[in-house]
């Protein structure tokens, strides 16, 4: 009877060991699948973040162009010339008129300062 009990105990131990190995294998497969899913999700998140960054840069560029174009039209050379013409009527010399016009033509950034002074 002891021999039968020993055999049964060994069989139960072997079965438990095989079950543990099978569960361990299943656990490894589940972990590998989870790791793959996490990696794919991370890559998707990175791609989405890059797309948002690119969109933000495009928007920033468009806004910059809008500001530049509105700024340049607000302080256009034609508008500067209108002011210069009024100044000429008030008595600035033709040489000062031409020097100022030349500077305003060559450096659009100075046009805003011209308007503000």
PDB file of N, CA and C in Angstrom:
ATOM      1  N   UNK A   1       0.812  -1.173   0.000  1.00  0.00           N
ATOM      2  CA  UNK A   1       0.000   0.000   0.000  1.00  0.00           C
ATOM      3  C   UNK A   1       0.875   1.263   0.000  1.00  0.00           C
ATOM      4  N   UNK A   2       1.946   1.206   0.728  1.00  0.00           N
ATOM      5  CA  UNK A   2       2.865   2.330   0.755  1.00  0.00           C
ATOM      6  C   UNK A   2       3.430   2.610  -0.627  1.00  0.00           C
ATOM      7  N   UNK A   3       3.671   1.555  -1.351  1.00  0.00           N
ATOM      8  CA  UNK A   3       4.207   1.716  -2.700  1.00  0.00           C
ATOM      9  C   UNK A   3       3.187   2.405  -3.594  1.00  0.00           C
ATOM     10  N   UNK A   4       1.941   2.053  -3.472  1.00  0.00           N
ATOM     11  CA  UNK A   4       0.876   2.679  -4.253  1.00  0.00           C
ATOM     12  C   UNK A   4       0.725   4.143  -3.860  1.00  0.00           C
ATOM     13  N   UNK A   5       0.801   4.398  -2.566  1.00  0.00           N
ATOM     14  CA  UNK A   5       0.715   5.782  -2.093  1.00  0.00           C
ATOM     15  C   UNK A   5       1.893   6.604  -2.615  1.00  0.00           C
ATOM     16  N   UNK A   6       3.066   6.007  -2.634  1.00  0.00           N
ATOM     17  CA  UNK A   6       4.256   6.688  -3.129  1.00  0.00           C
ATOM     18  C   UNK A   6       4.124   6.984  -4.613  1.00  0.00           C
ATOM     19  N   UNK A   7       3.608   5.999  -5.363  1.00  0.00           N
ATOM     20  CA  UNK A   7       3.402   6.190  -6.794  1.00  0.00           C
ATOM     21  C   UNK A   7       2.416   7.308  -7.049  1.00  0.00           C
ATOM     22  N   UNK A   8       1.326   7.309  -6.269  1.00  0.00           N
ATOM     23  CA  UNK A   8       0.302   8.329  -6.432  1.00  0.00           C
ATOM     24  C   UNK A   8       0.861   9.704  -6.071  1.00  0.00           C
ATOM     25  N   UNK A   9       1.667   9.733  -5.026  1.00  0.00           N
ATOM     26  CA  UNK A   9       2.274  11.001  -4.623  1.00  0.00           C
ATOM     27  C   UNK A   9       3.212  11.519  -5.701  1.00  0.00           C
ATOM     28  N   UNK A  10       4.018  10.604  -6.269  1.00  0.00           N
ATOM     29  CA  UNK A  10       4.926  10.996  -7.340  1.00  0.00           C
ATOM     30  C   UNK A  10       4.161  11.456  -8.576  1.00  0.00           C
ATOM     31  N   UNK A  11       3.067  10.776  -8.884  1.00  0.00           N
ATOM     32  CA  UNK A  11       2.249  11.163 -10.032  1.00  0.00           C
ATOM     33  C   UNK A  11       1.631  12.547  -9.810  1.00  0.00           C
ATOM     34  N   UNK A  12       1.158  12.774  -8.579  1.00  0.00           N
ATOM     35  CA  UNK A  12       0.570  14.072  -8.262  1.00  0.00           C
ATOM     36  C   UNK A  12       1.628  15.184  -8.332  1.00  0.00           C
ATOM     37  N   UNK A  13       2.813  14.863  -7.823  1.00  0.00           N
ATOM     38  CA  UNK A  13       3.903  15.849  -7.881  1.00  0.00           C
ATOM     39  C   UNK A  13       4.287  16.131  -9.331  1.00  0.00           C
ATOM     40  N   UNK A  14       4.389  15.078 -10.152  1.00  0.00           N
ATOM     41  CA  UNK A  14       4.742  15.235 -11.559  1.00  0.00           C
ATOM     42  C   UNK A  14       3.661  16.049 -12.283  1.00  0.00           C
ATOM     43  N   UNK A  15       2.406  15.736 -11.992  1.00  0.00           N
ATOM     44  CA  UNK A  15       1.303  16.469 -12.626  1.00  0.00           C
ATOM     45  C   UNK A  15       1.334  17.943 -12.203  1.00  0.00           C
ATOM     46  N   UNK A  16       1.560  18.183 -10.929  1.00  0.00           N
ATOM     47  CA  UNK A  16       1.624  19.561 -10.431  1.00  0.00           C
ATOM     48  C   UNK A  16       2.792  20.303 -11.076  1.00  0.00           C
ATOM     49  N   UNK A  17       3.916  19.603 -11.220  1.00  0.00           N
ATOM     50  CA  UNK A  17       5.087  20.202 -11.850  1.00  0.00           C
ATOM     51  C   UNK A  17       4.809  20.531 -13.316  1.00  0.00           C
ATOM     52  N   UNK A  18       4.166  19.613 -14.035  1.00  0.00           N
ATOM     53  CA  UNK A  18       3.812  19.859 -15.439  1.00  0.00           C
ATOM     54  C   UNK A  18       2.815  21.008 -15.559  1.00  0.00           C
ATOM     55  N   UNK A  19       1.856  21.051 -14.649  1.00  0.00           N
ATOM     56  CA  UNK A  19       0.889  22.159 -14.650  1.00  0.00           C
ATOM     57  C   UNK A  19       1.601  23.495 -14.412  1.00  0.00           C
ATOM     58  N   UNK A  20       2.551  23.502 -13.478  1.00  0.00           N
ATOM     59  CA  UNK A  20       3.302  24.710 -13.173  1.00  0.00           C
ATOM     60  C   UNK A  20       4.120  25.156 -14.381  1.00  0.00           C
ATOM     61  N   UNK A  21       4.755  24.187 -15.045  1.00  0.00           N
ATOM     62  CA  UNK A  21       5.549  24.504 -16.243  1.00  0.00           C
ATOM     63  C   UNK A  21       4.636  25.052 -17.340  1.00  0.00           C
ATOM     64  N   UNK A  22       3.482  24.423 -17.537  1.00  0.00           N
ATOM     65  CA  UNK A  22       2.548  24.872 -18.568  1.00  0.00           C
ATOM     66  C   UNK A  22       2.051  26.289 -18.251  1.00  0.00           C
ATOM     67  N   UNK A  23       1.726  26.516 -16.977  1.00  0.00           N
ATOM     68  CA  UNK A  23       1.254  27.847 -16.586  1.00  0.00           C
ATOM     69  C   UNK A  23       2.375  28.878 -16.732  1.00  0.00           C
ATOM     70  N   UNK A  24       3.585  28.473 -16.419  1.00  0.00           N
ATOM     71  CA  UNK A  24       4.728  29.365 -16.571  1.00  0.00           C
ATOM     72  C   UNK A  24       4.909  29.734 -18.041  1.00  0.00           C
ATOM     73  N   UNK A  25       4.768  28.745 -18.914  1.00  0.00           N
ATOM     74  CA  UNK A  25       4.882  28.986 -20.357  1.00  0.00           C
ATOM     75  C   UNK A  25       3.761  29.933 -20.821  1.00  0.00           C
ATOM     76  N   UNK A  26       2.544  29.686 -20.347  1.00  0.00           N
ATOM     77  CA  UNK A  26       1.410  30.551 -20.688  1.00  0.00           C
ATOM     78  C   UNK A  26       1.654  31.977 -20.186  1.00  0.00           C
ATOM     79  N   UNK A  27       2.213  32.061 -18.981  1.00  0.00           N
ATOM     80  CA  UNK A  27       2.510  33.373 -18.412  1.00  0.00           C
ATOM     81  C   UNK A  27       3.552  34.103 -19.251  1.00  0.00           C
ATOM     82  N   UNK A  28       4.602  33.384 -19.688  1.00  0.00           N
ATOM     83  CA  UNK A  28       5.613  33.996 -20.553  1.00  0.00           C
ATOM     84  C   UNK A  28       5.004  34.485 -21.855  1.00  0.00           C
ATOM     85  N   UNK A  29       4.132  33.666 -22.442  1.00  0.00           N
ATOM     86  CA  UNK A  29       3.477  34.070 -23.687  1.00  0.00           C
ATOM     87  C   UNK A  29       2.589  35.296 -23.468  1.00  0.00           C
ATOM     88  N   UNK A  30       1.877  35.303 -22.345  1.00  0.00           N
ATOM     89  CA  UNK A  30       1.017  36.449 -22.042  1.00  0.00           C
ATOM     90  C   UNK A  30       1.863  37.701 -21.828  1.00  0.00           C
ATOM     91  N   UNK A  31       2.978  37.574 -21.135  1.00  0.00           N
ATOM     92  CA  UNK A  31       3.867  38.713 -20.914  1.00  0.00           C
ATOM     93  C   UNK A  31       4.463  39.207 -22.226  1.00  0.00           C
ATOM     94  N   UNK A  32       4.837  38.291 -23.095  1.00  0.00           N
ATOM     95  CA  UNK A  32       5.386  38.682 -24.393  1.00  0.00           C
ATOM     96  C   UNK A  32       4.333  39.418 -25.218  1.00  0.00           C
ATOM     97  N   UNK A  33       3.099  38.923 -25.194  1.00  0.00           N
ATOM     98  CA  UNK A  33       2.015  39.591 -25.926  1.00  0.00           C
ATOM     99  C   UNK A  33       1.761  40.979 -25.338  1.00  0.00           C
ATOM    100  N   UNK A  34       1.772  41.087 -24.016  1.00  0.00           N
ATOM    101  CA  UNK A  34       1.574  42.379 -23.364  1.00  0.00           C
ATOM    102  C   UNK A  34       2.701  43.345 -23.743  1.00  0.00           C
ATOM    103  N   UNK A  35       3.941  42.847 -23.764  1.00  0.00           N
ATOM    104  CA  UNK A  35       5.078  43.688 -24.128  1.00  0.00           C
ATOM    105  C   UNK A  35       4.943  44.184 -25.571  1.00  0.00           C
ATOM    106  N   UNK A  36       4.534  43.326 -26.478  1.00  0.00           N
ATOM    107  CA  UNK A  36       4.326  43.720 -27.877  1.00  0.00           C
ATOM    108  C   UNK A  36       3.228  44.777 -27.986  1.00  0.00           C
ATOM    109  N   UNK A  37       2.137  44.551 -27.269  1.00  0.00           N
ATOM    110  CA  UNK A  37       1.034  45.523 -27.305  1.00  0.00           C
ATOM    111  C   UNK A  37       1.485  46.866 -26.734  1.00  0.00           C
ATOM    112  N   UNK A  38       2.246  46.831 -25.653  1.00  0.00           N
ATOM    113  CA  UNK A  38       2.750  48.070 -25.048  1.00  0.00           C
ATOM    114  C   UNK A  38       3.690  48.798 -25.998  1.00  0.00           C
ATOM    115  N   UNK A  39       4.535  48.027 -26.656  1.00  0.00           N
ATOM    116  CA  UNK A  39       5.475  48.623 -27.618  1.00  0.00           C
ATOM    117  C   UNK A  39       4.712  49.284 -28.765  1.00  0.00           C
ATOM    118  N   UNK A  40       3.710  48.600 -29.286  1.00  0.00           N
ATOM    119  CA  UNK A  40       2.912  49.154 -30.380  1.00  0.00           C
ATOM    120  C   UNK A  40       2.183  50.420 -29.928  1.00  0.00           C
ATOM    121  N   UNK A  41       1.651  50.388 -28.705  1.00  0.00           N
ATOM    122  CA  UNK A  41       0.949  51.560 -28.185  1.00  0.00           C
ATOM    123  C   UNK A  41       1.910  52.735 -28.003  1.00  0.00           C
ATOM    124  N   UNK A  42       3.118  52.444 -27.518  1.00  0.00           N
ATOM    125  CA  UNK A  42       4.124  53.484 -27.340  1.00  0.00           C
ATOM    126  C   UNK A  42       4.511  54.089 -28.679  1.00  0.00           C
ATOM    127  N   UNK A  43       4.738  53.243 -29.677  1.00  0.00           N
ATOM    128  CA  UNK A  43       5.087  53.731 -31.011  1.00  0.00           C
ATOM    129  C   UNK A  43       3.955  54.582 -31.594  1.00  0.00           C
ATOM    130  N   UNK A  44       2.719  54.149 -31.381  1.00  0.00           N
ATOM    131  CA  UNK A  44       1.578  54.921 -31.875  1.00  0.00           C
ATOM    132  C   UNK A  44       1.517  56.281 -31.174  1.00  0.00           C
ATOM    133  N   UNK A  45       1.774  56.281 -29.875  1.00  0.00           N
ATOM    134  CA  UNK A  45       1.765  57.546 -29.122  1.00  0.00           C
ATOM    135  C   UNK A  45       2.872  58.475 -29.606  1.00  0.00           C
ATOM    136  N   UNK A  46       4.048  57.904 -29.870  1.00  0.00           N
ATOM    137  CA  UNK A  46       5.157  58.717 -30.381  1.00  0.00           C
ATOM    138  C   UNK A  46       4.802  59.310 -31.743  1.00  0.00           C
ATOM    139  N   UNK A  47       4.217  58.496 -32.606  1.00  0.00           N
ATOM    140  CA  UNK A  47       3.835  58.976 -33.937  1.00  0.00           C
ATOM    141  C   UNK A  47       2.790  60.084 -33.825  1.00  0.00           C
ATOM    142  N   UNK A  48       1.836  59.906 -32.916  1.00  0.00           N
ATOM    143  CA  UNK A  48       0.808  60.920 -32.710  1.00  0.00           C
ATOM    144  C   UNK A  48       1.428  62.216 -32.193  1.00  0.00           C
ATOM    145  N   UNK A  49       2.366  62.092 -31.258  1.00  0.00           N
ATOM    146  CA  UNK A  49       3.041  63.275 -30.714  1.00  0.00           C
ATOM    147  C   UNK A  49       3.817  63.996 -31.816  1.00  0.00           C
ATOM    148  N   UNK A  50       4.502  63.250 -32.668  1.00  0.00           N
ATOM    149  CA  UNK A  50       5.244  63.862 -33.775  1.00  0.00           C
ATOM    150  C   UNK A  50       4.293  64.567 -34.741  1.00  0.00           C
ATOM    151  N   UNK A  51       3.142  63.948 -34.995  1.00  0.00           N
ATOM    152  CA  UNK A  51       2.160  64.574 -35.886  1.00  0.00           C
ATOM    153  C   UNK A  51       1.654  65.890 -35.286  1.00  0.00           C
ATOM    154  N   UNK A  52       1.399  65.880 -33.967  1.00  0.00           N
ATOM    155  CA  UNK A  52       0.958  67.115 -33.308  1.00  0.00           C
ATOM    156  C   UNK A  52       2.043  68.178 -33.344  1.00  0.00           C
ATOM    157  N   UNK A  53       3.296  67.755 -33.156  1.00  0.00           N
ATOM    158  CA  UNK A  53       4.412  68.705 -33.216  1.00  0.00           C
ATOM    159  C   UNK A  53       4.503  69.337 -34.604  1.00  0.00           C
ATOM    160  N   UNK A  54       4.395  68.498 -35.631  1.00  0.00           N
ATOM    161  CA  UNK A  54       4.466  68.998 -37.008  1.00  0.00           C
ATOM    162  C   UNK A  54       3.309  69.959 -37.283  1.00  0.00           C
ATOM    163  N   UNK A  55       2.127  69.604 -36.791  1.00  0.00           N
ATOM    164  CA  UNK A  55       0.963  70.471 -36.984  1.00  0.00           C
ATOM    165  C   UNK A  55       1.175  71.803 -36.269  1.00  0.00           C
ATOM    166  N   UNK A  56       1.727  71.750 -35.060  1.00  0.00           N
ATOM    167  CA  UNK A  56       1.994  72.977 -34.305  1.00  0.00           C
ATOM    168  C   UNK A  56       3.013  73.849 -35.031  1.00  0.00           C
ATOM    169  N   UNK A  57       4.040  73.221 -35.596  1.00  0.00           N
ATOM    170  CA  UNK A  57       5.058  73.980 -36.339  1.00  0.00           C
ATOM    171  C   UNK A  57       4.455  74.633 -37.583  1.00  0.00           C
ATOM    172  N   UNK A  58       3.587  73.877 -38.281  1.00  0.00           N
ATOM    173  CA  UNK A  58       2.928  74.451 -39.463  1.00  0.00           C
ATOM    174  C   UNK A  58       2.053  75.632 -39.047  1.00  0.00           C
ATOM    175  N   UNK A  59       1.306  75.451 -37.960  1.00  0.00           N
ATOM    176  CA  UNK A  59       0.440  76.521 -37.472  1.00  0.00           C
ATOM    177  C   UNK A  59       1.271  77.734 -37.072  1.00  0.00           C
ATOM    178  N   UNK A  60       2.379  77.454 -36.385  1.00  0.00           N
ATOM    179  CA  UNK A  60       3.265  78.533 -35.965  1.00  0.00           C
ATOM    180  C   UNK A  60       3.796  79.291 -37.182  1.00  0.00           C
ATOM    181  N   UNK A  61       4.181  78.556 -38.217  1.00  0.00           N
ATOM    182  CA  UNK A  61       4.670  79.176 -39.447  1.00  0.00           C
ATOM    183  C   UNK A  61       3.597  80.007 -40.131  1.00  0.00           C
ATOM    184  N   UNK A  62       2.374  79.474 -40.152  1.00  0.00           N
ATOM    185  CA  UNK A  62       1.271  80.209 -40.772  1.00  0.00           C
ATOM    186  C   UNK A  62       0.981  81.490 -39.992  1.00  0.00           C
ATOM    187  N   UNK A  63       0.981  81.384 -38.666  1.00  0.00           N
ATOM    188  CA  UNK A  63       0.712  82.557 -37.828  1.00  0.00           C
ATOM    189  C   UNK A  63       1.818  83.597 -38.024  1.00  0.00           C
ATOM    190  N   UNK A  64       3.043  83.109 -38.128  1.00  0.00           N
ATOM    191  CA  UNK A  64       4.167  84.023 -38.335  1.00  0.00           C
ATOM    192  C   UNK A  64       4.012  84.760 -39.656  1.00  0.00           C
ATOM    193  N   UNK A  65       3.593  84.030 -40.700  1.00  0.00           N
ATOM    194  CA  UNK A  65       3.382  84.657 -42.008  1.00  0.00           C
ATOM    195  C   UNK A  65       2.261  85.679 -41.931  1.00  0.00           C
ATOM    196  N   UNK A  66       1.186  85.312 -41.192  1.00  0.00           N
ATOM    197  CA  UNK A  66       0.067  86.247 -41.055  1.00  0.00           C
ATOM    198  C   UNK A  66       0.517  87.526 -40.364  1.00  0.00           C
ATOM    199  N   UNK A  67       1.281  87.363 -39.280  1.00  0.00           N
ATOM    200  CA  UNK A  67       1.758  88.520 -38.545  1.00  0.00           C
ATOM    201  C   UNK A  67       2.680  89.356 -39.413  1.00  0.00           C
ATOM    202  N   UNK A  68       3.590  88.672 -40.123  1.00  0.00           N
ATOM    203  CA  UNK A  68       4.522  89.385 -40.993  1.00  0.00           C
ATOM    204  C   UNK A  68       3.786  90.114 -42.105  1.00  0.00           C
ATOM    205  N   UNK A  69       2.840  89.433 -42.746  1.00  0.00           N
ATOM    206  CA  UNK A  69       2.143  90.076 -43.852  1.00  0.00           C
ATOM    207  C   UNK A  69       1.266  91.220 -43.359  1.00  0.00           C
ATOM    208  N   UNK A  70       0.603  91.043 -42.209  1.00  0.00           N
ATOM    209  CA  UNK A  70      -0.217  92.151 -41.717  1.00  0.00           C
ATOM    210  C   UNK A  70       0.674  93.278 -41.252  1.00  0.00           C
ATOM    211  N   UNK A  71       1.808  92.906 -40.662  1.00  0.00           N
ATOM    212  CA  UNK A  71       2.743  93.930 -40.213  1.00  0.00           C
ATOM    213  C   UNK A  71       3.312  94.676 -41.406  1.00  0.00           C
ATOM    214  N   UNK A  72       3.677  93.940 -42.449  1.00  0.00           N
ATOM    215  CA  UNK A  72       4.270  94.606 -43.610  1.00  0.00           C
ATOM    216  C   UNK A  72       3.237  95.429 -44.362  1.00  0.00           C
ATOM    217  N   UNK A  73       1.969  94.976 -44.388  1.00  0.00           N
ATOM    218  CA  UNK A  73       0.964  95.790 -45.070  1.00  0.00           C
ATOM    219  C   UNK A  73       0.593  96.994 -44.209  1.00  0.00           C
ATOM    220  N   UNK A  74       0.635  96.812 -42.903  1.00  0.00           N
ATOM    221  CA  UNK A  74       0.332  97.923 -42.004  1.00  0.00           C
ATOM    222  C   UNK A  74       1.399  99.005 -42.094  1.00  0.00           C
ATOM    223  N   UNK A  75       2.641  98.570 -42.324  1.00  0.00           N
ATOM    224  CA  UNK A  75       3.767  99.501 -42.435  1.00  0.00           C
ATOM    225  C   UNK A  75       4.398  99.398 -43.826  1.00  0.00           C
ATOM    226  N   UNK A  76       3.552  99.424 -44.841  1.00  0.00           N
ATOM    227  CA  UNK A  76       4.035  99.259 -46.206  1.00  0.00           C
ATOM    228  C   UNK A  76       4.821 100.486 -46.671  1.00  0.00           C
ATOM    229  N   UNK A  77       5.602 100.271 -47.706  1.00  0.00           N
ATOM    230  CA  UNK A  77       6.392 101.359 -48.290  1.00  0.00           C
ATOM    231  C   UNK A  77       5.468 102.453 -48.847  1.00  0.00           C
ATOM    232  N   UNK A  78       4.348 102.026 -49.408  1.00  0.00           N
ATOM    233  CA  UNK A  78       3.397 103.009 -49.953  1.00  0.00           C
ATOM    234  C   UNK A  78       2.876 103.926 -48.850  1.00  0.00           C
ATOM    235  N   UNK A  79       2.568 103.357 -47.702  1.00  0.00           N
ATOM    236  CA  UNK A  79       2.081 104.180 -46.591  1.00  0.00           C
ATOM    237  C   UNK A  79       3.188 105.103 -46.073  1.00  0.00           C
ATOM    238  N   UNK A  80       4.424 104.578 -46.062  1.00  0.00           N
ATOM    239  CA  UNK A  80       5.556 105.422 -45.655  1.00  0.00           C
ATOM    240  C   UNK A  80       5.710 106.608 -46.600  1.00  0.00           C
ATOM    241  N   UNK A  81       5.512 106.344 -47.888  1.00  0.00           N
ATOM    242  CA  UNK A  81       5.656 107.415 -48.882  1.00  0.00           C
ATOM    243  C   UNK A  81       4.583 108.485 -48.700  1.00  0.00           C
ATOM    244  N   UNK A  82       3.398 108.079 -48.283  1.00  0.00           N
ATOM    245  CA  UNK A  82       2.340 109.047 -48.016  1.00  0.00           C
ATOM    246  C   UNK A  82       2.783 109.999 -46.904  1.00  0.00           C
ATOM    247  N   UNK A  83       3.354 109.422 -45.860  1.00  0.00           N
ATOM    248  CA  UNK A  83       3.847 110.248 -44.751  1.00  0.00           C
ATOM    249  C   UNK A  83       4.994 111.136 -45.225  1.00  0.00           C
ATOM    250  N   UNK A  84       5.918 110.553 -46.004  1.00  0.00           N
ATOM    251  CA  UNK A  84       7.033 111.350 -46.533  1.00  0.00           C
ATOM    252  C   UNK A  84       6.538 112.512 -47.400  1.00  0.00           C
ATOM    253  N   UNK A  85       5.499 112.256 -48.198  1.00  0.00           N
ATOM    254  CA  UNK A  85       4.942 113.319 -49.040  1.00  0.00           C
ATOM    255  C   UNK A  85       4.385 114.449 -48.177  1.00  0.00           C
ATOM    256  N   UNK A  86       3.720 114.076 -47.094  1.00  0.00           N
ATOM    257  CA  UNK A  86       3.188 115.099 -46.184  1.00  0.00           C
ATOM    258  C   UNK A  86       4.329 115.886 -45.543  1.00  0.00           C
ATOM    259  N   UNK A  87       5.417 115.152 -45.214  1.00  0.00           N
ATOM    260  CA  UNK A  87       6.580 115.818 -44.616  1.00  0.00           C
ATOM    261  C   UNK A  87       7.236 116.753 -45.634  1.00  0.00           C
ATOM    262  N   UNK A  88       7.246 116.347 -46.904  1.00  0.00           N
ATOM    263  CA  UNK A  88       7.835 117.190 -47.951  1.00  0.00           C
ATOM    264  C   UNK A  88       7.044 118.493 -48.082  1.00  0.00           C
ATOM    265  N   UNK A  89       5.727 118.380 -47.965  1.00  0.00           N
ATOM    266  CA  UNK A  89       4.892 119.584 -48.030  1.00  0.00           C
ATOM    267  C   UNK A  89       5.151 120.509 -46.836  1.00  0.00           C
ATOM    268  N   UNK A  90       5.608 119.877 -45.735  1.00  0.00           N
ATOM    269  CA  UNK A  90       5.904 120.681 -44.543  1.00  0.00           C
ATOM    270  C   UNK A  90       7.315 121.245 -44.568  1.00  0.00           C
ATOM    271  N   UNK A  91       8.118 120.809 -45.564  1.00  0.00           N
ATOM    272  CA  UNK A  91       9.403 121.460 -45.728  1.00  0.00           C
ATOM    273  C   UNK A  91      10.651 120.606 -45.604  1.00  0.00           C
ATOM    274  N   UNK A  92      10.566 119.261 -45.575  1.00  0.00           N
ATOM    275  CA  UNK A  92      11.832 118.511 -45.575  1.00  0.00           C
ATOM    276  C   UNK A  92      12.443 118.578 -46.959  1.00  0.00           C
ATOM    277  N   UNK A  93      13.740 118.524 -47.007  1.00  0.00           N
ATOM    278  CA  UNK A  93      14.434 118.660 -48.294  1.00  0.00           C
ATOM    279  C   UNK A  93      14.248 117.414 -49.150  1.00  0.00           C
ATOM    280  N   UNK A  94      14.452 117.615 -50.452  1.00  0.00           N
ATOM    281  CA  UNK A  94      14.347 116.489 -51.385  1.00  0.00           C
ATOM    282  C   UNK A  94      15.414 115.446 -51.093  1.00  0.00           C
ATOM    283  N   UNK A  95      16.619 115.876 -50.698  1.00  0.00           N
ATOM    284  CA  UNK A  95      17.685 114.902 -50.408  1.00  0.00           C
ATOM    285  C   UNK A  95      17.331 114.075 -49.158  1.00  0.00           C
ATOM    286  N   UNK A  96      16.739 114.725 -48.130  1.00  0.00           N
ATOM    287  CA  UNK A  96      16.303 113.970 -46.933  1.00  0.00           C
ATOM    288  C   UNK A  96      15.177 112.996 -47.288  1.00  0.00           C
ATOM    289  N   UNK A  97      14.266 113.444 -48.146  1.00  0.00           N
ATOM    290  CA  UNK A  97      13.173 112.599 -48.625  1.00  0.00           C
ATOM    291  C   UNK A  97      13.756 111.352 -49.301  1.00  0.00           C
ATOM    292  N   UNK A  98      14.686 111.532 -50.221  1.00  0.00           N
ATOM    293  CA  UNK A  98      15.266 110.419 -50.981  1.00  0.00           C
ATOM    294  C   UNK A  98      16.087 109.493 -50.083  1.00  0.00           C
ATOM    295  N   UNK A  99      16.857 110.049 -49.152  1.00  0.00           N
ATOM    296  CA  UNK A  99      17.634 109.223 -48.221  1.00  0.00           C
ATOM    297  C   UNK A  99      16.701 108.352 -47.372  1.00  0.00           C
ATOM    298  N   UNK A 100      15.657 108.980 -46.861  1.00  0.00           N
ATOM    299  CA  UNK A 100      14.692 108.240 -46.029  1.00  0.00           C
ATOM    300  C   UNK A 100      14.006 107.158 -46.847  1.00  0.00           C
ATOM    301  N   UNK A 101      13.591 107.499 -48.054  1.00  0.00           N
ATOM    302  CA  UNK A 101      12.938 106.529 -48.930  1.00  0.00           C
ATOM    303  C   UNK A 101      13.868 105.349 -49.225  1.00  0.00           C
ATOM    304  N   UNK A 102      15.133 105.633 -49.495  1.00  0.00           N
ATOM    305  CA  UNK A 102      16.114 104.582 -49.776  1.00  0.00           C
ATOM    306  C   UNK A 102      16.259 103.650 -48.570  1.00  0.00           C
ATOM    307  N   UNK A 103      16.333 104.215 -47.368  1.00  0.00           N
ATOM    308  CA  UNK A 103      16.463 103.409 -46.141  1.00  0.00           C
ATOM    309  C   UNK A 103      15.221 102.547 -45.932  1.00  0.00           C
ATOM    310  N   UNK A 104      14.053 103.128 -46.111  1.00  0.00           N
ATOM    311  CA  UNK A 104      12.799 102.381 -45.915  1.00  0.00           C
ATOM    312  C   UNK A 104      12.626 101.288 -46.951  1.00  0.00           C
ATOM    313  N   UNK A 105      13.121 101.511 -48.167  1.00  0.00           N
ATOM    314  CA  UNK A 105      13.070 100.463 -49.202  1.00  0.00           C
ATOM    315  C   UNK A 105      13.976  99.296 -48.842  1.00  0.00           C
ATOM    316  N   UNK A 106      15.176  99.622 -48.337  1.00  0.00           N
ATOM    317  CA  UNK A 106      16.175  98.577 -48.087  1.00  0.00           C
ATOM    318  C   UNK A 106      15.910  97.798 -46.796  1.00  0.00           C
ATOM    319  N   UNK A 107      15.248  98.409 -45.820  1.00  0.00           N
ATOM    320  CA  UNK A 107      15.042  97.731 -44.543  1.00  0.00           C
ATOM    321  C   UNK A 107      13.584  97.852 -44.104  1.00  0.00           C
ATOM    322  N   UNK A 108      12.749  96.871 -44.475  1.00  0.00           N
ATOM    323  CA  UNK A 108      11.329  96.931 -44.109  1.00  0.00           C
ATOM    324  C   UNK A 108      11.101  96.968 -42.591  1.00  0.00           C
ATOM    325  N   UNK A 109      12.042  96.462 -41.822  1.00  0.00           N
ATOM    326  CA  UNK A 109      11.901  96.475 -40.366  1.00  0.00           C
ATOM    327  C   UNK A 109      11.892  97.878 -39.788  1.00  0.00           C
ATOM    328  N   UNK A 110      12.512  98.800 -40.487  1.00  0.00           N
ATOM    329  CA  UNK A 110      12.542 100.181 -40.002  1.00  0.00           C
ATOM    330  C   UNK A 110      11.245 100.940 -40.278  1.00  0.00           C
ATOM    331  N   UNK A 111      10.413 100.383 -41.128  1.00  0.00           N
ATOM    332  CA  UNK A 111       9.171 101.085 -41.482  1.00  0.00           C
ATOM    333  C   UNK A 111       8.266 101.266 -40.274  1.00  0.00           C
ATOM    334  N   UNK A 112       8.196 100.225 -39.428  1.00  0.00           N
ATOM    335  CA  UNK A 112       7.365 100.339 -38.225  1.00  0.00           C
ATOM    336  C   UNK A 112       7.892 101.460 -37.330  1.00  0.00           C
ATOM    337  N   UNK A 113       9.208 101.504 -37.146  1.00  0.00           N
ATOM    338  CA  UNK A 113       9.805 102.580 -36.332  1.00  0.00           C
ATOM    339  C   UNK A 113       9.509 103.947 -36.948  1.00  0.00           C
ATOM    340  N   UNK A 114       9.542 104.024 -38.263  1.00  0.00           N
ATOM    341  CA  UNK A 114       9.234 105.279 -38.957  1.00  0.00           C
ATOM    342  C   UNK A 114       7.821 105.739 -38.616  1.00  0.00           C
ATOM    343  N   UNK A 115       6.889 104.780 -38.589  1.00  0.00           N
ATOM    344  CA  UNK A 115       5.498 105.122 -38.261  1.00  0.00           C
ATOM    345  C   UNK A 115       5.359 105.557 -36.810  1.00  0.00           C
ATOM    346  N   UNK A 116       6.122 104.926 -35.940  1.00  0.00           N
ATOM    347  CA  UNK A 116       5.946 105.173 -34.504  1.00  0.00           C
ATOM    348  C   UNK A 116       6.685 106.407 -33.998  1.00  0.00           C
ATOM    349  N   UNK A 117       7.556 107.010 -34.844  1.00  0.00           N
ATOM    350  CA  UNK A 117       8.282 108.194 -34.385  1.00  0.00           C
ATOM    351  C   UNK A 117       7.679 109.459 -34.914  1.00  0.00           C
TER     352      UNK A 117
END
